[in-house]
Full PDB file with SEQRES, HELIX, SHEET, SSBOND, CRYST1, ORIGX, SCALE, CONECT and MASTER records, all heavy atoms in Angstrom:
SEQRES   1 A   40  CYS GLN LYS GLN PHE ILE GLU ASN HIS GLY VAL LYS LEU          
SEQRES   2 A   40  GLY TYR MET SER LEU PHE VAL LYS ALA VAL VAL HIS ALA          
SEQRES   3 A   40  LEU LYS THR VAL PRO ASN VAL ASN ALA SER ILE ASP GLY          
SEQRES   4 A   40  ASN                                                          
HELIX    1 AA1 GLN A    2  HIS A    9  1                                   8    
HELIX    2 AA2 TYR A   15  THR A   29  1                                  15    
HELIX    3 AA3 PRO A   31  VAL A   33  5                                   3    
CRYST1    1.000    1.000    1.000  90.00  90.00  90.00 P 1           1          
ORIGX1      1.000000  0.000000  0.000000        0.00000                         
ORIGX2      0.000000  1.000000  0.000000        0.00000                         
ORIGX3      0.000000  0.000000  1.000000        0.00000                         
SCALE1      1.000000  0.000000  0.000000        0.00000                         
SCALE2      0.000000  1.000000  0.000000        0.00000                         
SCALE3      0.000000  0.000000  1.000000        0.00000                         
ATOM      1  N   CYS A   1      15.380   1.539 -27.318  1.00  0.00           N  
ATOM      2  CA  CYS A   1      16.534   0.870 -26.707  1.00  0.00           C  
ATOM      3  C   CYS A   1      17.276  -0.083 -27.640  1.00  0.00           C  
ATOM      4  O   CYS A   1      18.344  -0.590 -27.264  1.00  0.00           O  
ATOM      5  CB  CYS A   1      16.074   0.087 -25.482  1.00  0.00           C  
ATOM      6  SG  CYS A   1      15.286   1.078 -24.201  1.00  0.00           S  
ATOM      7  N   GLN A   2      16.746  -0.320 -28.835  1.00  0.00           N  
ATOM      8  CA  GLN A   2      17.295  -1.388 -29.661  1.00  0.00           C  
ATOM      9  C   GLN A   2      18.765  -1.186 -30.021  1.00  0.00           C  
ATOM     10  O   GLN A   2      19.595  -2.107 -29.884  1.00  0.00           O  
ATOM     11  CB  GLN A   2      16.465  -1.536 -30.940  1.00  0.00           C  
ATOM     12  CG  GLN A   2      16.751  -2.787 -31.750  1.00  0.00           C  
ATOM     13  CD  GLN A   2      16.308  -4.046 -31.042  1.00  0.00           C  
ATOM     14  OE1 GLN A   2      17.038  -4.617 -30.242  1.00  0.00           O  
ATOM     15  NE2 GLN A   2      15.073  -4.469 -31.337  1.00  0.00           N  
ATOM     16  N   LYS A   3      19.128   0.014 -30.457  1.00  0.00           N  
ATOM     17  CA  LYS A   3      20.505   0.268 -30.887  1.00  0.00           C  
ATOM     18  C   LYS A   3      21.482   0.043 -29.748  1.00  0.00           C  
ATOM     19  O   LYS A   3      22.497  -0.653 -29.913  1.00  0.00           O  
ATOM     20  CB  LYS A   3      20.625   1.688 -31.430  1.00  0.00           C  
ATOM     21  CG  LYS A   3      22.021   2.019 -31.948  1.00  0.00           C  
ATOM     22  CD  LYS A   3      22.078   3.433 -32.520  1.00  0.00           C  
ATOM     23  CE  LYS A   3      23.477   3.767 -33.014  1.00  0.00           C  
ATOM     24  NZ  LYS A   3      23.555   5.163 -33.559  1.00  0.00           N  
ATOM     25  N   GLN A   4      21.184   0.590 -28.589  1.00  0.00           N  
ATOM     26  CA  GLN A   4      22.066   0.444 -27.440  1.00  0.00           C  
ATOM     27  C   GLN A   4      22.109  -0.999 -26.956  1.00  0.00           C  
ATOM     28  O   GLN A   4      23.161  -1.505 -26.544  1.00  0.00           O  
ATOM     29  CB  GLN A   4      21.609   1.362 -26.300  1.00  0.00           C  
ATOM     30  CG  GLN A   4      22.584   1.452 -25.130  1.00  0.00           C  
ATOM     31  CD  GLN A   4      23.914   2.060 -25.533  1.00  0.00           C  
ATOM     32  OE1 GLN A   4      23.942   3.093 -26.221  1.00  0.00           O  
ATOM     33  NE2 GLN A   4      25.007   1.429 -25.137  1.00  0.00           N  
ATOM     34  N   PHE A   5      20.972  -1.677 -27.042  1.00  0.00           N  
ATOM     35  CA  PHE A   5      20.892  -3.073 -26.609  1.00  0.00           C  
ATOM     36  C   PHE A   5      21.789  -3.954 -27.478  1.00  0.00           C  
ATOM     37  O   PHE A   5      22.523  -4.805 -26.968  1.00  0.00           O  
ATOM     38  CB  PHE A   5      19.436  -3.551 -26.691  1.00  0.00           C  
ATOM     39  CG  PHE A   5      19.187  -4.868 -26.033  1.00  0.00           C  
ATOM     40  CD1 PHE A   5      18.894  -4.941 -24.682  1.00  0.00           C  
ATOM     41  CD2 PHE A   5      19.239  -6.058 -26.758  1.00  0.00           C  
ATOM     42  CE1 PHE A   5      18.654  -6.171 -24.055  1.00  0.00           C  
ATOM     43  CE2 PHE A   5      19.008  -7.287 -26.153  1.00  0.00           C  
ATOM     44  CZ  PHE A   5      18.711  -7.338 -24.796  1.00  0.00           C  
ATOM     45  N   ILE A   6      21.768  -3.723 -28.783  1.00  0.00           N  
ATOM     46  CA  ILE A   6      22.607  -4.492 -29.700  1.00  0.00           C  
ATOM     47  C   ILE A   6      24.081  -4.206 -29.444  1.00  0.00           C  
ATOM     48  O   ILE A   6      24.918  -5.124 -29.432  1.00  0.00           O  
ATOM     49  CB  ILE A   6      22.233  -4.184 -31.164  1.00  0.00           C  
ATOM     50  CG1 ILE A   6      20.820  -4.675 -31.476  1.00  0.00           C  
ATOM     51  CG2 ILE A   6      23.232  -4.829 -32.123  1.00  0.00           C  
ATOM     52  CD1 ILE A   6      20.316  -4.269 -32.837  1.00  0.00           C  
ATOM     53  N   GLU A   7      24.424  -2.946 -29.234  1.00  0.00           N  
ATOM     54  CA  GLU A   7      25.813  -2.590 -28.963  1.00  0.00           C  
ATOM     55  C   GLU A   7      26.318  -3.227 -27.672  1.00  0.00           C  
ATOM     56  O   GLU A   7      27.470  -3.659 -27.584  1.00  0.00           O  
ATOM     57  CB  GLU A   7      25.953  -1.066 -28.882  1.00  0.00           C  
ATOM     58  CG  GLU A   7      25.772  -0.352 -30.215  1.00  0.00           C  
ATOM     59  CD  GLU A   7      25.862   1.154 -30.074  1.00  0.00           C  
ATOM     60  OE1 GLU A   7      26.034   1.640 -28.924  1.00  0.00           O  
ATOM     61  OE2 GLU A   7      25.781   1.867 -31.096  1.00  0.00           O  
ATOM     62  N   ASN A   8      25.447  -3.304 -26.686  1.00  0.00           N  
ATOM     63  CA  ASN A   8      25.851  -3.846 -25.386  1.00  0.00           C  
ATOM     64  C   ASN A   8      25.931  -5.369 -25.369  1.00  0.00           C  
ATOM     65  O   ASN A   8      26.794  -5.949 -24.702  1.00  0.00           O  
ATOM     66  CB  ASN A   8      24.877  -3.390 -24.295  1.00  0.00           C  
ATOM     67  CG  ASN A   8      24.982  -1.909 -24.002  1.00  0.00           C  
ATOM     68  OD1 ASN A   8      25.944  -1.249 -24.401  1.00  0.00           O  
ATOM     69  ND2 ASN A   8      23.986  -1.367 -23.317  1.00  0.00           N  
ATOM     70  N   HIS A   9      25.011  -6.021 -26.125  1.00  0.00           N  
ATOM     71  CA  HIS A   9      24.867  -7.465 -25.967  1.00  0.00           C  
ATOM     72  C   HIS A   9      25.057  -8.271 -27.246  1.00  0.00           C  
ATOM     73  O   HIS A   9      25.149  -9.498 -27.191  1.00  0.00           O  
ATOM     74  CB  HIS A   9      23.488  -7.782 -25.374  1.00  0.00           C  
ATOM     75  CG  HIS A   9      23.203  -7.043 -24.102  1.00  0.00           C  
ATOM     76  ND1 HIS A   9      23.879  -7.305 -22.927  1.00  0.00           N  
ATOM     77  CD2 HIS A   9      22.323  -6.040 -23.819  1.00  0.00           C  
ATOM     78  CE1 HIS A   9      23.422  -6.503 -21.969  1.00  0.00           C  
ATOM     79  NE2 HIS A   9      22.480  -5.729 -22.488  1.00  0.00           N  
ATOM     80  N   GLY A  10      25.075  -7.615 -28.395  1.00  0.00           N  
ATOM     81  CA  GLY A  10      25.281  -8.341 -29.641  1.00  0.00           C  
ATOM     82  C   GLY A  10      24.069  -9.079 -30.152  1.00  0.00           C  
ATOM     83  O   GLY A  10      24.159  -9.856 -31.104  1.00  0.00           O  
ATOM     84  N   VAL A  11      22.904  -8.886 -29.549  1.00  0.00           N  
ATOM     85  CA  VAL A  11      21.655  -9.492 -30.006  1.00  0.00           C  
ATOM     86  C   VAL A  11      20.555  -8.443 -29.959  1.00  0.00           C  
ATOM     87  O   VAL A  11      20.669  -7.431 -29.254  1.00  0.00           O  
ATOM     88  CB  VAL A  11      21.244 -10.706 -29.138  1.00  0.00           C  
ATOM     89  CG1 VAL A  11      22.225 -11.839 -29.303  1.00  0.00           C  
ATOM     90  CG2 VAL A  11      21.124 -10.303 -27.672  1.00  0.00           C  
ATOM     91  N   LYS A  12      19.478  -8.697 -30.708  1.00  0.00           N  
ATOM     92  CA  LYS A  12      18.342  -7.781 -30.696  1.00  0.00           C  
ATOM     93  C   LYS A  12      17.434  -8.058 -29.505  1.00  0.00           C  
ATOM     94  O   LYS A  12      17.365  -9.188 -29.015  1.00  0.00           O  
ATOM     95  CB  LYS A  12      17.534  -7.912 -31.993  1.00  0.00           C  
ATOM     96  CG  LYS A  12      18.214  -7.336 -33.213  1.00  0.00           C  
ATOM     97  CD  LYS A  12      17.281  -7.407 -34.416  1.00  0.00           C  
ATOM     98  CE  LYS A  12      17.923  -6.757 -35.637  1.00  0.00           C  
ATOM     99  NZ  LYS A  12      16.997  -6.801 -36.805  1.00  0.00           N  
ATOM    100  N   LEU A  13      16.760  -7.037 -29.063  1.00  0.00           N  
ATOM    101  CA  LEU A  13      15.720  -7.194 -28.049  1.00  0.00           C  
ATOM    102  C   LEU A  13      14.439  -7.598 -28.767  1.00  0.00           C  
ATOM    103  O   LEU A  13      13.868  -6.817 -29.530  1.00  0.00           O  
ATOM    104  CB  LEU A  13      15.517  -5.888 -27.284  1.00  0.00           C  
ATOM    105  CG  LEU A  13      14.371  -5.869 -26.266  1.00  0.00           C  
ATOM    106  CD1 LEU A  13      14.623  -6.882 -25.153  1.00  0.00           C  
ATOM    107  CD2 LEU A  13      14.177  -4.468 -25.702  1.00  0.00           C  
ATOM    108  N   GLY A  14      13.986  -8.819 -28.557  1.00  0.00           N  
ATOM    109  CA  GLY A  14      12.794  -9.311 -29.238  1.00  0.00           C  
ATOM    110  C   GLY A  14      11.570  -9.287 -28.350  1.00  0.00           C  
ATOM    111  O   GLY A  14      11.650  -9.024 -27.147  1.00  0.00           O  
ATOM    112  N   TYR A  15      10.432  -9.589 -28.939  1.00  0.00           N  
ATOM    113  CA  TYR A  15       9.190  -9.640 -28.172  1.00  0.00           C  
ATOM    114  C   TYR A  15       9.178 -10.829 -27.208  1.00  0.00           C  
ATOM    115  O   TYR A  15       8.595 -10.758 -26.126  1.00  0.00           O  
ATOM    116  CB  TYR A  15       7.990  -9.734 -29.112  1.00  0.00           C  
ATOM    117  CG  TYR A  15       7.719  -8.469 -29.883  1.00  0.00           C  
ATOM    118  CD1 TYR A  15       7.851  -8.423 -31.266  1.00  0.00           C  
ATOM    119  CD2 TYR A  15       7.321  -7.303 -29.230  1.00  0.00           C  
ATOM    120  CE1 TYR A  15       7.614  -7.268 -31.975  1.00  0.00           C  
ATOM    121  CE2 TYR A  15       7.071  -6.135 -29.937  1.00  0.00           C  
ATOM    122  CZ  TYR A  15       7.230  -6.119 -31.313  1.00  0.00           C  
ATOM    123  OH  TYR A  15       6.994  -4.965 -32.006  1.00  0.00           O  
ATOM    124  N   MET A  16       9.833 -11.941 -27.606  1.00  0.00           N  
ATOM    125  CA  MET A  16       9.721 -13.140 -26.796  1.00  0.00           C  
ATOM    126  C   MET A  16      10.327 -12.964 -25.419  1.00  0.00           C  
ATOM    127  O   MET A  16       9.751 -13.410 -24.415  1.00  0.00           O  
ATOM    128  CB  MET A  16      10.378 -14.328 -27.517  1.00  0.00           C  
ATOM    129  CG  MET A  16      10.185 -15.652 -26.803  1.00  0.00           C  
ATOM    130  SD  MET A  16       8.440 -16.098 -26.547  1.00  0.00           S  
ATOM    131  CE  MET A  16       8.014 -16.664 -28.196  1.00  0.00           C  
ATOM    132  N   SER A  17      11.488 -12.295 -25.319  1.00  0.00           N  
ATOM    133  CA  SER A  17      12.086 -12.111 -23.993  1.00  0.00           C  
ATOM    134  C   SER A  17      11.205 -11.237 -23.109  1.00  0.00           C  
ATOM    135  O   SER A  17      11.111 -11.451 -21.890  1.00  0.00           O  
ATOM    136  CB  SER A  17      13.482 -11.499 -24.115  1.00  0.00           C  
ATOM    137  OG  SER A  17      13.431 -10.195 -24.666  1.00  0.00           O  
ATOM    138  N   LEU A  18      10.529 -10.269 -23.715  1.00  0.00           N  
ATOM    139  CA  LEU A  18       9.613  -9.415 -22.959  1.00  0.00           C  
ATOM    140  C   LEU A  18       8.419 -10.220 -22.448  1.00  0.00           C  
ATOM    141  O   LEU A  18       7.967 -10.036 -21.307  1.00  0.00           O  
ATOM    142  CB  LEU A  18       9.149  -8.253 -23.831  1.00  0.00           C  
ATOM    143  CG  LEU A  18      10.253  -7.232 -24.183  1.00  0.00           C  
ATOM    144  CD1 LEU A  18       9.842  -6.408 -25.391  1.00  0.00           C  
ATOM    145  CD2 LEU A  18      10.548  -6.315 -22.999  1.00  0.00           C  
ATOM    146  N   PHE A  19       7.921 -11.134 -23.264  1.00  0.00           N  
ATOM    147  CA  PHE A  19       6.793 -11.957 -22.826  1.00  0.00           C  
ATOM    148  C   PHE A  19       7.239 -13.020 -21.819  1.00  0.00           C  
ATOM    149  O   PHE A  19       6.456 -13.415 -20.950  1.00  0.00           O  
ATOM    150  CB  PHE A  19       6.101 -12.597 -24.029  1.00  0.00           C  
ATOM    151  CG  PHE A  19       5.029 -11.724 -24.618  1.00  0.00           C  
ATOM    152  CD1 PHE A  19       5.317 -10.842 -25.641  1.00  0.00           C  
ATOM    153  CD2 PHE A  19       3.735 -11.759 -24.121  1.00  0.00           C  
ATOM    154  CE1 PHE A  19       4.334 -10.017 -26.173  1.00  0.00           C  
ATOM    155  CE2 PHE A  19       2.741 -10.938 -24.645  1.00  0.00           C  
ATOM    156  CZ  PHE A  19       3.045 -10.060 -25.677  1.00  0.00           C  
ATOM    157  N   VAL A  20       8.472 -13.498 -21.941  1.00  0.00           N  
ATOM    158  CA  VAL A  20       8.989 -14.420 -20.921  1.00  0.00           C  
ATOM    159  C   VAL A  20       9.003 -13.725 -19.564  1.00  0.00           C  
ATOM    160  O   VAL A  20       8.567 -14.285 -18.549  1.00  0.00           O  
ATOM    161  CB  VAL A  20      10.404 -14.919 -21.291  1.00  0.00           C  
ATOM    162  CG1 VAL A  20      11.054 -15.629 -20.097  1.00  0.00           C  
ATOM    163  CG2 VAL A  20      10.348 -15.864 -22.485  1.00  0.00           C  
ATOM    164  N   LYS A  21       9.466 -12.479 -19.551  1.00  0.00           N  
ATOM    165  CA  LYS A  21       9.488 -11.722 -18.299  1.00  0.00           C  
ATOM    166  C   LYS A  21       8.066 -11.443 -17.805  1.00  0.00           C  
ATOM    167  O   LYS A  21       7.800 -11.466 -16.593  1.00  0.00           O  
ATOM    168  CB  LYS A  21      10.236 -10.401 -18.504  1.00  0.00           C  
ATOM    169  CG  LYS A  21      11.747 -10.545 -18.555  1.00  0.00           C  
ATOM    170  CD  LYS A  21      12.307 -10.964 -17.203  1.00  0.00           C  
ATOM    171  CE  LYS A  21      13.818 -10.920 -17.182  1.00  0.00           C  
ATOM    172  NZ  LYS A  21      14.373 -11.324 -15.861  1.00  0.00           N  
ATOM    173  N   ALA A  22       7.152 -11.174 -18.732  1.00  0.00           N  
ATOM    174  CA  ALA A  22       5.759 -10.951 -18.343  1.00  0.00           C  
ATOM    175  C   ALA A  22       5.162 -12.209 -17.719  1.00  0.00           C  
ATOM    176  O   ALA A  22       4.417 -12.147 -16.733  1.00  0.00           O  
ATOM    177  CB  ALA A  22       4.939 -10.515 -19.560  1.00  0.00           C  
ATOM    178  N   VAL A  23       5.490 -13.376 -18.294  1.00  0.00           N  
ATOM    179  CA  VAL A  23       4.999 -14.649 -17.758  1.00  0.00           C  
ATOM    180  C   VAL A  23       5.593 -14.911 -16.372  1.00  0.00           C  
ATOM    181  O   VAL A  23       4.897 -15.371 -15.461  1.00  0.00           O  
ATOM    182  CB  VAL A  23       5.325 -15.802 -18.734  1.00  0.00           C  
ATOM    183  CG1 VAL A  23       5.215 -17.155 -18.038  1.00  0.00           C  
ATOM    184  CG2 VAL A  23       4.398 -15.760 -19.935  1.00  0.00           C  
ATOM    185  N   VAL A  24       6.891 -14.630 -16.208  1.00  0.00           N  
ATOM    186  CA  VAL A  24       7.524 -14.801 -14.904  1.00  0.00           C  
ATOM    187  C   VAL A  24       6.807 -13.957 -13.856  1.00  0.00           C  
ATOM    188  O   VAL A  24       6.518 -14.420 -12.739  1.00  0.00           O  
ATOM    189  CB  VAL A  24       9.017 -14.434 -14.974  1.00  0.00           C  
ATOM    190  CG1 VAL A  24       9.617 -14.324 -13.569  1.00  0.00           C  
ATOM    191  CG2 VAL A  24       9.788 -15.458 -15.804  1.00  0.00           C  
ATOM    192  N   HIS A  25       6.491 -12.714 -14.214  1.00  0.00           N  
ATOM    193  CA  HIS A  25       5.747 -11.824 -13.318  1.00  0.00           C  
ATOM    194  C   HIS A  25       4.372 -12.405 -12.982  1.00  0.00           C  
ATOM    195  O   HIS A  25       3.946 -12.414 -11.814  1.00  0.00           O  
ATOM    196  CB  HIS A  25       5.595 -10.451 -13.979  1.00  0.00           C  
ATOM    197  CG  HIS A  25       4.575  -9.569 -13.339  1.00  0.00           C  
ATOM    198  ND1 HIS A  25       4.762  -8.953 -12.112  1.00  0.00           N  
ATOM    199  CD2 HIS A  25       3.326  -9.196 -13.761  1.00  0.00           C  
ATOM    200  CE1 HIS A  25       3.687  -8.249 -11.798  1.00  0.00           C  
ATOM    201  NE2 HIS A  25       2.803  -8.378 -12.784  1.00  0.00           N  
ATOM    202  N   ALA A  26       3.672 -12.917 -13.995  1.00  0.00           N  
ATOM    203  CA  ALA A  26       2.327 -13.459 -13.788  1.00  0.00           C  
ATOM    204  C   ALA A  26       2.364 -14.740 -12.959  1.00  0.00           C  
ATOM    205  O   ALA A  26       1.452 -14.992 -12.155  1.00  0.00           O  
ATOM    206  CB  ALA A  26       1.656 -13.705 -15.133  1.00  0.00           C  
ATOM    207  N   LEU A  27       3.407 -15.562 -13.129  1.00  0.00           N  
ATOM    208  CA  LEU A  27       3.519 -16.790 -12.351  1.00  0.00           C  
ATOM    209  C   LEU A  27       3.750 -16.484 -10.876  1.00  0.00           C  
ATOM    210  O   LEU A  27       3.305 -17.243  -9.999  1.00  0.00           O  
ATOM    211  CB  LEU A  27       4.658 -17.666 -12.891  1.00  0.00           C  
ATOM    212  CG  LEU A  27       4.422 -18.329 -14.264  1.00  0.00           C  
ATOM    213  CD1 LEU A  27       5.676 -19.066 -14.721  1.00  0.00           C  
ATOM    214  CD2 LEU A  27       3.236 -19.280 -14.227  1.00  0.00           C  
ATOM    215  N   LYS A  28       4.441 -15.400 -10.592  1.00  0.00           N  
ATOM    216  CA  LYS A  28       4.605 -14.984  -9.193  1.00  0.00           C  
ATOM    217  C   LYS A  28       3.284 -14.489  -8.625  1.00  0.00           C  
ATOM    218  O   LYS A  28       2.997 -14.671  -7.438  1.00  0.00           O  
ATOM    219  CB  LYS A  28       5.670 -13.894  -9.098  1.00  0.00           C  
ATOM    220  CG  LYS A  28       7.085 -14.375  -9.415  1.00  0.00           C  
ATOM    221  CD  LYS A  28       8.088 -13.231  -9.330  1.00  0.00           C  
ATOM    222  CE  LYS A  28       9.499 -13.721  -9.635  1.00  0.00           C  
ATOM    223  NZ  LYS A  28      10.487 -12.607  -9.594  1.00  0.00           N  
ATOM    224  N   THR A  29       2.466 -13.890  -9.491  1.00  0.00           N  
ATOM    225  CA  THR A  29       1.159 -13.398  -9.058  1.00  0.00           C  
ATOM    226  C   THR A  29       0.191 -14.544  -8.802  1.00  0.00           C  
ATOM    227  O   THR A  29      -0.593 -14.524  -7.837  1.00  0.00           O  
ATOM    228  CB  THR A  29       0.573 -12.450 -10.129  1.00  0.00           C  
ATOM    229  OG1 THR A  29       1.510 -11.392 -10.400  1.00  0.00           O  
ATOM    230  CG2 THR A  29      -0.744 -11.853  -9.675  1.00  0.00           C  
ATOM    231  N   VAL A  30       0.251 -15.562  -9.672  1.00  0.00           N  
ATOM    232  CA  VAL A  30      -0.640 -16.730  -9.552  1.00  0.00           C  
ATOM    233  C   VAL A  30       0.224 -17.997  -9.569  1.00  0.00           C  
ATOM    234  O   VAL A  30       0.365 -18.648 -10.605  1.00  0.00           O  
ATOM    235  CB  VAL A  30      -1.679 -16.766 -10.684  1.00  0.00           C  
ATOM    236  CG1 VAL A  30      -2.734 -17.831 -10.407  1.00  0.00           C  
ATOM    237  CG2 VAL A  30      -2.325 -15.419 -10.906  1.00  0.00           C  
ATOM    238  N   PRO A  31       0.833 -18.371  -8.441  1.00  0.00           N  
ATOM    239  CA  PRO A  31       1.758 -19.510  -8.389  1.00  0.00           C  
ATOM    240  C   PRO A  31       1.133 -20.835  -8.819  1.00  0.00           C  
ATOM    241  O   PRO A  31       1.853 -21.736  -9.271  1.00  0.00           O  
ATOM    242  CB  PRO A  31       2.177 -19.556  -6.911  1.00  0.00           C  
ATOM    243  CG  PRO A  31       1.914 -18.183  -6.390  1.00  0.00           C  
ATOM    244  CD  PRO A  31       0.713 -17.692  -7.141  1.00  0.00           C  
ATOM    245  N   ASN A  32      -0.169 -20.970  -8.708  1.00  0.00           N  
ATOM    246  CA  ASN A  32      -0.824 -22.238  -9.045  1.00  0.00           C  
ATOM    247  C   ASN A  32      -0.721 -22.575 -10.524  1.00  0.00           C  
ATOM    248  O   ASN A  32      -0.893 -23.744 -10.911  1.00  0.00           O  
ATOM    249  CB  ASN A  32      -2.298 -22.189  -8.629  1.00  0.00           C  
ATOM    250  CG  ASN A  32      -2.788 -23.534  -8.115  1.00  0.00           C  
ATOM    251  OD1 ASN A  32      -2.020 -24.296  -7.550  1.00  0.00           O  
ATOM    252  ND2 ASN A  32      -4.069 -23.816  -8.306  1.00  0.00           N  
ATOM    253  N   VAL A  33      -0.439 -21.570 -11.352  1.00  0.00           N  
ATOM    254  CA  VAL A  33      -0.283 -21.832 -12.781  1.00  0.00           C  
ATOM    255  C   VAL A  33       1.059 -22.521 -13.039  1.00  0.00           C  
ATOM    256  O   VAL A  33       1.222 -23.242 -14.025  1.00  0.00           O  
ATOM    257  CB  VAL A  33      -0.395 -20.529 -13.593  1.00  0.00           C  
ATOM    258  CG1 VAL A  33      -0.214 -20.787 -15.092  1.00  0.00           C  
ATOM    259  CG2 VAL A  33      -1.762 -19.878 -13.353  1.00  0.00           C  
ATOM    260  N   ASN A  34       2.021 -22.295 -12.151  1.00  0.00           N  
ATOM    261  CA  ASN A  34       3.340 -22.908 -12.284  1.00  0.00           C  
ATOM    262  C   ASN A  34       3.351 -24.237 -11.522  1.00  0.00           C  
ATOM    263  O   ASN A  34       4.156 -24.458 -10.613  1.00  0.00           O  
ATOM    264  CB  ASN A  34       4.410 -21.967 -11.728  1.00  0.00           C  
ATOM    265  CG  ASN A  34       5.805 -22.311 -12.238  1.00  0.00           C  
ATOM    266  OD1 ASN A  34       5.977 -22.611 -13.416  1.00  0.00           O  
ATOM    267  ND2 ASN A  34       6.786 -22.266 -11.367  1.00  0.00           N  
ATOM    268  N   ALA A  35       2.448 -25.126 -11.895  1.00  0.00           N  
ATOM    269  CA  ALA A  35       2.269 -26.377 -11.163  1.00  0.00           C  
ATOM    270  C   ALA A  35       1.817 -27.470 -12.120  1.00  0.00           C  
ATOM    271  O   ALA A  35       1.507 -27.211 -13.290  1.00  0.00           O  
ATOM    272  CB  ALA A  35       1.239 -26.190 -10.045  1.00  0.00           C  
ATOM    273  N   SER A  36       1.797 -28.706 -11.610  1.00  0.00           N  
ATOM    274  CA  SER A  36       1.326 -29.835 -12.413  1.00  0.00           C  
ATOM    275  C   SER A  36       0.695 -30.869 -11.504  1.00  0.00           C  
ATOM    276  O   SER A  36       0.870 -30.847 -10.283  1.00  0.00           O  
ATOM    277  CB  SER A  36       2.494 -30.469 -13.196  1.00  0.00           C  
ATOM    278  OG  SER A  36       3.446 -31.026 -12.311  1.00  0.00           O  
ATOM    279  N   ILE A  37      -0.054 -31.785 -12.112  1.00  0.00           N  
ATOM    280  CA  ILE A  37      -0.713 -32.855 -11.372  1.00  0.00           C  
ATOM    281  C   ILE A  37       0.074 -34.149 -11.546  1.00  0.00           C  
ATOM    282  O   ILE A  37       0.452 -34.521 -12.658  1.00  0.00           O  
ATOM    283  CB  ILE A  37      -2.158 -33.046 -11.863  1.00  0.00           C  
ATOM    284  CG1 ILE A  37      -3.017 -31.833 -11.483  1.00  0.00           C  
ATOM    285  CG2 ILE A  37      -2.765 -34.318 -11.283  1.00  0.00           C  
ATOM    286  CD1 ILE A  37      -4.458 -31.935 -11.949  1.00  0.00           C  
ATOM    287  N   ASP A  38       0.316 -34.827 -10.449  1.00  0.00           N  
ATOM    288  CA  ASP A  38       0.960 -36.140 -10.464  1.00  0.00           C  
ATOM    289  C   ASP A  38       0.097 -37.087  -9.645  1.00  0.00           C  
ATOM    290  O   ASP A  38       0.157 -37.100  -8.420  1.00  0.00           O  
ATOM    291  CB  ASP A  38       2.368 -36.052  -9.885  1.00  0.00           C  
ATOM    292  CG  ASP A  38       3.098 -37.389  -9.942  1.00  0.00           C  
ATOM    293  OD1 ASP A  38       2.651 -38.274 -10.706  1.00  0.00           O  
ATOM    294  OD2 ASP A  38       4.099 -37.554  -9.223  1.00  0.00           O  
ATOM    295  N   GLY A  39      -0.730 -37.863 -10.332  1.00  0.00           N  
ATOM    296  CA  GLY A  39      -1.673 -38.733  -9.637  1.00  0.00           C  
ATOM    297  C   GLY A  39      -2.691 -37.909  -8.873  1.00  0.00           C  
ATOM    298  O   GLY A  39      -3.433 -37.118  -9.467  1.00  0.00           O  
ATOM    299  N   ASN A  40      -2.724 -38.058  -7.564  1.00  0.00           N  
ATOM    300  CA  ASN A  40      -3.634 -37.269  -6.731  1.00  0.00           C  
ATOM    301  C   ASN A  40      -2.930 -36.098  -6.051  1.00  0.00           C  
ATOM    302  O   ASN A  40      -3.499 -35.459  -5.164  1.00  0.00           O  
ATOM    303  CB  ASN A  40      -4.274 -38.172  -5.662  1.00  0.00           C  
ATOM    304  CG  ASN A  40      -5.204 -39.202  -6.273  1.00  0.00           C  
ATOM    305  OD1 ASN A  40      -5.907 -38.919  -7.241  1.00  0.00           O  
ATOM    306  ND2 ASN A  40      -5.207 -40.408  -5.715  1.00  0.00           N  
TER     307      ASN A  40                                                      
MASTER        0    0    0    3    0    0    0    6  306    1    0    4          
END                                                                             
């Protein structure tokens, strides 16, 4: 997809955007990871 992706968007498809999407998917699977502690 790289050639078409560059023609369409002017940037390369990198690994980081794919892992960002993978993390978004995983956070929906385990919502508790997308959290923080504030006092108690």
